[in-house]
């Protein structure tokens, strides 16, 4: 068995691929990755921008779309929807074989909607209706405006991947949105067993931001905390997941077949070369979780990753780490908001860049 296969079989963690390109769909790479243990696919505006700009696989379809009078934005979404549709077909056997636990492909609403609740609801609803597949996740960012959209979409029975979660405070709001949405859906006669969700909790970017702040503080106590914030916060997120999806409130939903909203560890490639390249995989292994991995991290984990249940080891020490960070002046909620803003801005920039590249391509100019 591959290490990816063992992650799921022995530890209950689902490895997903954090990438989607038409080349992978055409040359069988995605099918091979699935055969080797990948159980889902995530994508975002940056991934699609990189795929479309860096490949000629889209040129023929794009030219036909432009010739038919489609706007650049509409043409972009046609390209994306077609890729997602093909990936959904590749992952459908995993979805069926897992009883709907895995086999999902995620596509994100347009990044300019991150602070527009009504626009996000409309876009998420449209994507679910346009790509009518049970293993589709529409990604909604966990911004202040995104939280009510998550609740509304869940209340309508749609499956949502909540993205750009960077703090425990925001994560608690995401869980509440999912639970209240499920309760509304069930109260209206809906079957909660058909609703799925993951909460994408970002990891490595937290260390990047916190380490930069610790370097600026510069004291010995601060510098000793570098590289410890992200894993500690994720471990506490897992503990919060266990607490919220149990007890009196969860029991009636569970009795009707509702699914817990699994934590998904995102941004798990190591950004700091001083840290082990499998740090954010080895440290966060445990049941009822997902880890979405870029190819480089998959290769590193297969080569020398450590297989052991680690997600709930040292939770008390993780809490102490966050207290120590607060003591030296690190406000994790402020870190989360800063990273949220950076994430939204980054996706927006990627979206604008790919539209500019498509405009140049339509005009026959080098992009």
Protein backbone atom coordinates (compact mmCIF):
# COMPACT_ATOMS: atom_id res chain seq x y z
CA UNK A 1 0.00 0.00 0.00
CA UNK A 2 1.09 3.58 -0.57
CA UNK A 3 1.41 5.90 2.41
CA UNK A 4 -1.62 7.79 1.10
CA UNK A 5 -3.67 4.60 1.12
CA UNK A 6 -2.47 3.80 4.63
CA UNK A 7 -3.43 7.29 5.84
CA UNK A 8 -7.05 6.44 5.15
CA UNK A 9 -7.06 2.70 5.85
CA UNK A 10 -5.20 2.83 9.16
CA UNK A 11 -5.79 6.36 10.47
CA UNK A 12 -9.08 7.53 8.95
CA UNK A 13 -7.60 10.58 7.23
CA UNK A 14 -8.52 11.31 3.63
CA UNK A 15 -5.70 12.65 1.42
CA UNK A 16 -6.95 14.98 -1.31
CA UNK A 17 -5.05 16.61 -4.16
CA UNK A 18 -4.70 20.38 -4.01
CA UNK A 19 -4.55 20.90 -7.76
CA UNK A 20 -6.63 20.49 -10.91
CA UNK A 21 -5.38 20.90 -14.46
CA UNK A 22 -6.71 19.78 -17.81
CA UNK A 23 -3.37 18.11 -18.52
CA UNK A 24 -3.93 15.78 -15.55
CA UNK A 25 -7.37 14.93 -16.89
CA UNK A 26 -6.07 14.25 -20.40
CA UNK A 27 -2.96 12.22 -19.62
CA UNK A 28 -4.40 10.07 -16.85
CA UNK A 29 -2.41 11.65 -14.01
CA UNK A 30 -5.50 12.27 -11.91
CA UNK A 31 -6.70 8.68 -12.35
CA UNK A 32 -3.28 7.40 -11.30
CA UNK A 33 -3.24 9.62 -8.22
CA UNK A 34 -6.68 8.33 -7.27
CA UNK A 35 -5.47 4.75 -7.74
CA UNK A 36 -2.56 5.57 -5.42
CA UNK A 37 -4.82 6.84 -2.66
CA UNK A 38 -6.00 10.37 -3.46
CA UNK A 39 -9.66 10.62 -2.42
CA UNK A 40 -10.68 14.12 -3.49
CA UNK A 41 -9.60 17.28 -5.31
CA UNK A 42 -9.55 20.90 -4.25
CA UNK A 43 -8.98 23.90 -6.48
CA UNK A 44 -9.09 27.66 -6.12
CA UNK A 45 -8.77 30.70 -8.40
CA UNK A 46 -4.96 30.62 -8.19
CA UNK A 47 -4.84 26.96 -9.21
CA UNK A 48 -7.16 27.52 -12.17
CA UNK A 49 -5.26 30.63 -13.23
CA UNK A 50 -1.98 28.72 -13.21
CA UNK A 51 -3.53 25.84 -15.14
CA UNK A 52 -5.14 27.98 -17.84
CA UNK A 53 -2.18 30.33 -18.31
CA UNK A 54 0.41 27.59 -18.29
CA UNK A 55 -1.15 25.18 -20.77
CA UNK A 56 -2.28 25.06 -24.38
CA UNK A 57 -4.96 22.50 -23.52
CA UNK A 58 -7.54 25.27 -23.15
CA UNK A 59 -6.76 27.23 -26.31
CA UNK A 60 -9.08 25.48 -28.74
CA UNK A 61 -12.10 25.61 -26.46
CA UNK A 62 -11.37 29.20 -25.47
CA UNK A 63 -11.11 30.30 -29.10
CA UNK A 64 -14.45 28.65 -29.87
CA UNK A 65 -16.10 30.31 -26.89
CA UNK A 66 -14.82 33.75 -27.87
CA UNK A 67 -15.89 33.17 -31.48
CA UNK A 68 -19.40 32.33 -30.26
CA UNK A 69 -19.61 35.70 -28.50
CA UNK A 70 -18.94 34.68 -24.90
CA UNK A 71 -17.44 37.30 -22.63
CA UNK A 72 -14.02 36.61 -21.17
CA UNK A 73 -15.53 35.96 -17.75
CA UNK A 74 -18.12 33.57 -19.14
CA UNK A 75 -15.43 31.79 -21.16
CA UNK A 76 -13.29 31.40 -18.05
CA UNK A 77 -16.14 29.79 -16.14
CA UNK A 78 -16.87 27.44 -19.06
CA UNK A 79 -13.26 26.24 -18.95
CA UNK A 80 -13.42 25.77 -15.20
CA UNK A 81 -16.79 24.01 -15.22
CA UNK A 82 -15.62 21.56 -17.87
CA UNK A 83 -12.51 20.65 -15.87
CA UNK A 84 -14.53 20.22 -12.71
CA UNK A 85 -17.05 18.06 -14.52
CA UNK A 86 -14.35 15.72 -15.80
CA UNK A 87 -12.71 15.51 -12.38
CA UNK A 88 -16.06 14.73 -10.78
CA UNK A 89 -16.43 11.76 -13.12
CA UNK A 90 -12.96 10.47 -12.17
CA UNK A 91 -13.75 10.78 -8.45
CA UNK A 92 -17.34 9.49 -8.61
CA UNK A 93 -16.34 5.85 -7.89
CA UNK A 94 -14.61 7.03 -4.71
CA UNK A 95 -17.75 8.93 -3.72
CA UNK A 96 -19.99 5.94 -4.35
CA UNK A 97 -17.62 3.49 -2.71
CA UNK A 98 -17.25 5.62 0.43
CA UNK A 99 -20.96 6.23 0.89
CA UNK A 100 -20.44 9.90 0.13
CA UNK A 101 -17.61 10.50 2.56
CA UNK A 102 -14.97 11.22 -0.10
CA UNK A 103 -14.70 11.63 -3.86
CA UNK A 104 -15.43 15.36 -3.84
CA UNK A 105 -14.15 18.04 -6.21
CA UNK A 106 -14.24 21.64 -5.01
CA UNK A 107 -14.75 24.80 -7.05
CA UNK A 108 -14.75 28.26 -5.51
CA UNK A 109 -17.13 31.15 -6.07
CA UNK A 110 -15.60 34.21 -7.71
CA UNK A 111 -13.19 35.92 -5.28
CA UNK A 112 -14.72 39.37 -5.74
CA UNK A 113 -17.77 38.03 -3.85
CA UNK A 114 -15.83 37.43 -0.63
CA UNK A 115 -17.52 40.38 1.09
CA UNK A 116 -20.90 40.03 -0.64
CA UNK A 117 -23.29 37.67 1.13
CA UNK A 118 -26.12 37.84 -1.39
CA UNK A 119 -23.73 37.54 -4.32
CA UNK A 120 -22.03 34.53 -2.75
CA UNK A 121 -25.36 32.78 -2.15
CA UNK A 122 -26.44 33.38 -5.74
CA UNK A 123 -23.11 32.22 -7.18
CA UNK A 124 -22.94 29.10 -4.98
CA UNK A 125 -26.50 28.16 -5.87
CA UNK A 126 -25.76 28.69 -9.57
CA UNK A 127 -22.63 26.51 -9.49
CA UNK A 128 -24.47 23.69 -7.74
CA UNK A 129 -27.27 23.83 -10.29
CA UNK A 130 -24.89 24.17 -13.23
CA UNK A 131 -22.71 21.26 -12.12
CA UNK A 132 -25.39 18.93 -10.82
CA UNK A 133 -23.26 16.23 -9.22
CA UNK A 134 -23.60 14.85 -5.69
CA UNK A 135 -19.82 14.92 -5.20
CA UNK A 136 -19.43 18.65 -5.91
CA UNK A 137 -18.30 21.01 -3.19
CA UNK A 138 -18.73 24.72 -3.79
CA UNK A 139 -16.14 26.66 -1.82
CA UNK A 140 -17.25 29.70 0.18
CA UNK A 141 -14.67 31.76 2.07
CA UNK A 142 -15.11 32.08 5.83
CA UNK A 143 -15.24 35.86 5.77
CA UNK A 144 -17.72 37.80 7.87
CA UNK A 145 -19.95 37.97 4.79
CA UNK A 146 -19.33 34.34 3.95
CA UNK A 147 -20.61 32.94 7.26
CA UNK A 148 -24.31 33.73 6.60
CA UNK A 149 -23.90 32.43 3.05
CA UNK A 150 -22.57 29.13 4.43
CA UNK A 151 -25.57 28.91 6.75
CA UNK A 152 -28.01 29.73 3.92
CA UNK A 153 -26.55 27.22 1.46
CA UNK A 154 -26.52 24.46 4.07
CA UNK A 155 -30.12 25.31 4.94
CA UNK A 156 -30.97 24.72 1.27
CA UNK A 157 -29.29 21.32 1.34
CA UNK A 158 -26.18 22.17 -0.66
CA UNK A 159 -22.74 20.73 0.13
CA UNK A 160 -20.14 23.38 0.93
CA UNK A 161 -16.38 23.48 1.39
CA UNK A 162 -15.70 26.38 3.74
CA UNK A 163 -12.33 27.86 2.85
CA UNK A 164 -9.86 30.44 4.19
CA UNK A 165 -10.25 29.60 7.89
CA UNK A 166 -7.27 30.92 9.83
CA UNK A 167 -8.39 31.22 13.46
CA UNK A 168 -10.26 29.28 16.11
CA UNK A 169 -12.71 32.13 16.54
CA UNK A 170 -13.70 32.04 12.90
CA UNK A 171 -13.75 28.24 12.92
CA UNK A 172 -16.30 28.28 15.75
CA UNK A 173 -18.48 30.58 13.62
CA UNK A 174 -18.17 28.18 10.68
CA UNK A 175 -19.29 25.22 12.80
CA UNK A 176 -22.24 27.21 14.08
CA UNK A 177 -23.24 28.19 10.54
CA UNK A 178 -23.16 24.55 9.45
CA UNK A 179 -25.10 23.28 12.46
CA UNK A 180 -27.78 25.95 12.27
CA UNK A 181 -28.06 25.45 8.51
CA UNK A 182 -28.53 21.70 8.98
CA UNK A 183 -31.14 22.30 11.67
CA UNK A 184 -33.08 24.62 9.38
CA UNK A 185 -32.86 22.18 6.49
CA UNK A 186 -34.04 19.26 8.64
CA UNK A 187 -36.86 21.31 10.21
CA UNK A 188 -38.14 22.05 6.73
CA UNK A 189 -38.33 18.37 5.86
CA UNK A 190 -34.94 18.03 4.20
CA UNK A 191 -32.79 14.95 4.57
CA UNK A 192 -29.53 16.00 6.26
CA UNK A 193 -27.92 12.71 5.19
CA UNK A 194 -27.53 14.21 1.71
CA UNK A 195 -25.56 17.25 2.92
CA UNK A 196 -21.77 17.16 3.24
CA UNK A 197 -19.24 19.76 4.28
CA UNK A 198 -15.59 20.29 5.13
CA UNK A 199 -14.02 23.20 6.97
CA UNK A 200 -10.71 24.14 5.35
CA UNK A 201 -8.40 25.24 8.17
CA UNK A 202 -5.19 26.74 6.76
CA UNK A 203 -1.95 25.74 8.39
CA UNK A 204 1.46 26.74 6.98
CA UNK A 205 0.43 30.31 6.28
CA UNK A 206 -0.26 30.71 9.99
CA UNK A 207 3.34 29.89 10.83
CA UNK A 208 4.58 32.26 8.13
CA UNK A 209 2.59 35.16 9.57
CA UNK A 210 3.22 34.37 13.22
CA UNK A 211 6.95 33.74 12.69
CA UNK A 212 7.29 37.13 11.01
CA UNK A 213 5.63 38.78 14.00
CA UNK A 214 7.79 36.83 16.45
CA UNK A 215 10.92 37.91 14.57
CA UNK A 216 9.79 41.52 14.88
CA UNK A 217 9.26 41.13 18.64
CA UNK A 218 12.73 39.60 18.80
CA UNK A 219 12.88 38.46 22.44
CA UNK A 220 14.20 35.05 23.37
CA UNK A 221 10.77 33.89 24.50
CA UNK A 222 9.26 35.03 21.21
CA UNK A 223 11.90 33.45 19.00
CA UNK A 224 11.55 30.13 20.84
CA UNK A 225 7.91 29.97 19.66
CA UNK A 226 8.68 30.08 15.94
CA UNK A 227 7.21 27.22 13.93
CA UNK A 228 4.81 26.13 16.67
CA UNK A 229 1.65 28.20 16.17
CA UNK A 230 0.12 26.50 13.15
CA UNK A 231 0.17 22.92 14.39
CA UNK A 232 -0.92 23.96 17.88
CA UNK A 233 -3.90 25.88 16.54
CA UNK A 234 -4.89 23.00 14.23
CA UNK A 235 -4.80 20.53 17.12
CA UNK A 236 -7.12 22.79 19.10
CA UNK A 237 -9.37 23.09 16.05
CA UNK A 238 -9.65 19.30 16.02
CA UNK A 239 -10.54 19.31 19.70
CA UNK A 240 -13.24 21.92 19.03
CA UNK A 241 -14.55 19.75 16.18
CA UNK A 242 -14.90 16.80 18.56
CA UNK A 243 -16.70 18.91 21.14
CA UNK A 244 -19.18 20.58 18.80
CA UNK A 245 -20.13 17.46 16.85
CA UNK A 246 -21.22 15.55 19.95
CA UNK A 247 -23.74 15.97 22.72
CA UNK A 248 -27.36 17.04 22.93
CA UNK A 249 -27.41 19.43 19.98
CA UNK A 250 -25.72 17.07 17.55
CA UNK A 251 -27.56 13.90 18.60
CA UNK A 252 -30.90 14.56 16.81
CA UNK A 253 -29.10 15.51 13.60
CA UNK A 254 -26.88 12.44 13.82
CA UNK A 255 -29.98 10.28 14.35
CA UNK A 256 -31.26 11.53 11.00
CA UNK A 257 -28.02 10.63 9.25
CA UNK A 258 -26.32 14.04 9.29
CA UNK A 259 -22.60 14.12 8.54
CA UNK A 260 -20.08 15.91 10.70
CA UNK A 261 -18.27 18.76 9.00
CA UNK A 262 -14.77 17.32 8.82
CA UNK A 263 -11.75 19.56 9.36
CA UNK A 264 -9.65 19.83 6.21
CA UNK A 265 -6.03 20.82 6.67
CA UNK A 266 -5.19 23.23 3.85
CA UNK A 267 -1.96 25.00 2.96
CA UNK A 268 0.06 21.99 4.11
CA UNK A 269 3.15 22.50 1.96
CA UNK A 270 6.00 23.81 4.10
CA UNK A 271 6.77 27.45 3.29
CA UNK A 272 9.87 27.75 5.49
CA UNK A 273 12.73 25.58 4.15
CA UNK A 274 14.07 25.30 7.69
CA UNK A 275 11.05 23.18 8.64
CA UNK A 276 10.58 19.51 7.63
CA UNK A 277 8.80 19.20 4.30
CA UNK A 278 6.20 16.86 5.79
CA UNK A 279 5.67 18.87 9.00
CA UNK A 280 2.03 19.70 8.30
CA UNK A 281 1.17 16.14 7.30
CA UNK A 282 3.02 14.18 9.98
CA UNK A 283 1.71 16.42 12.78
CA UNK A 284 -1.99 16.37 11.87
CA UNK A 285 -2.91 12.74 11.20
CA UNK A 286 -6.14 11.47 12.68
CA UNK A 287 -9.66 10.20 11.99
CA UNK A 288 -12.45 12.23 10.41
CA UNK A 289 -10.03 14.68 8.83
CA UNK A 290 -8.85 15.59 5.34
CA UNK A 291 -5.42 16.79 4.27
CA UNK A 292 -5.28 18.44 0.87
CA UNK A 293 -1.80 18.17 -0.60
CA UNK A 294 0.11 19.62 -3.56
CA UNK A 295 2.16 17.16 -5.60
CA UNK A 296 5.47 18.11 -3.99
CA UNK A 297 4.13 17.33 -0.52
CA UNK A 298 2.61 14.06 -1.73
CA UNK A 299 6.00 13.03 -3.10
CA UNK A 300 7.77 14.01 0.12
CA UNK A 301 5.27 12.16 2.28
CA UNK A 302 5.48 9.04 0.15
CA UNK A 303 9.28 9.19 0.37
CA UNK A 304 9.71 9.73 4.10
CA UNK A 305 6.47 10.67 5.83
CA UNK A 306 5.67 9.30 9.27
CA UNK A 307 2.46 7.33 9.74
CA UNK A 308 1.09 7.75 13.27
CA UNK A 309 -1.97 9.23 14.89
CA UNK A 310 -0.81 12.67 15.94
CA UNK A 311 -3.76 15.04 15.67
CA UNK A 312 -4.90 14.69 19.28
CA UNK A 313 -1.49 14.13 20.81
CA UNK A 314 -0.36 17.04 22.96
CA UNK A 315 -3.59 19.06 22.88
CA UNK A 316 -2.85 20.48 26.34
CA UNK A 317 0.63 21.48 25.17
CA UNK A 318 -0.96 23.10 22.12
CA UNK A 319 -3.17 25.20 24.36
CA UNK A 320 -0.11 26.22 26.35
CA UNK A 321 1.63 27.23 23.12
CA UNK A 322 -1.21 29.59 22.26
CA UNK A 323 -1.10 31.04 25.77
CA UNK A 324 2.64 31.58 25.40
CA UNK A 325 2.10 33.30 22.06
CA UNK A 326 -0.45 35.62 23.65
CA UNK A 327 2.00 36.35 26.48
CA UNK A 328 4.62 37.65 24.04
CA UNK A 329 2.06 39.76 22.18
CA UNK A 330 0.69 37.54 19.40
CA UNK A 331 -3.06 38.02 18.88
CA UNK A 332 -4.17 34.92 16.95
CA UNK A 333 -7.50 36.50 15.98
CA UNK A 334 -5.61 39.41 14.45
CA UNK A 335 -3.31 36.95 12.68
CA UNK A 336 -6.38 35.20 11.31
CA UNK A 337 -7.94 38.39 10.00
CA UNK A 338 -4.69 39.48 8.37
CA UNK A 339 -4.33 36.11 6.63
CA UNK A 340 -7.96 36.17 5.58
CA UNK A 341 -7.43 39.53 3.90
CA UNK A 342 -4.26 38.27 2.23
CA UNK A 343 -6.03 35.13 1.03
CA UNK A 344 -8.95 37.01 -0.48
CA UNK A 345 -6.60 39.52 -2.11
CA UNK A 346 -4.40 36.74 -3.49
CA UNK A 347 -7.30 34.89 -5.08
CA UNK A 348 -8.69 38.14 -6.48
CA UNK A 349 -5.31 38.97 -7.99
CA UNK A 350 -5.08 35.53 -9.60
CA UNK A 351 -8.58 35.89 -11.03
CA UNK A 352 -7.81 39.30 -12.54
CA UNK A 353 -4.50 38.04 -13.89
CA UNK A 354 -6.04 35.09 -15.72
CA UNK A 355 -8.74 37.32 -17.21
CA UNK A 356 -6.00 39.65 -18.47
CA UNK A 357 -4.15 36.66 -19.93
CA UNK A 358 -7.32 35.48 -21.66
CA UNK A 359 -7.94 38.97 -23.01
CA UNK A 360 -4.43 39.00 -24.48
CA UNK A 361 -4.98 35.55 -25.95
CA UNK A 362 -8.27 36.62 -27.52
CA UNK A 363 -6.54 39.63 -29.06
CA UNK A 364 -3.63 37.51 -30.34
CA UNK A 365 -1.12 39.17 -28.02
CA UNK A 366 1.49 37.35 -25.92
CA UNK A 367 0.13 36.97 -22.39
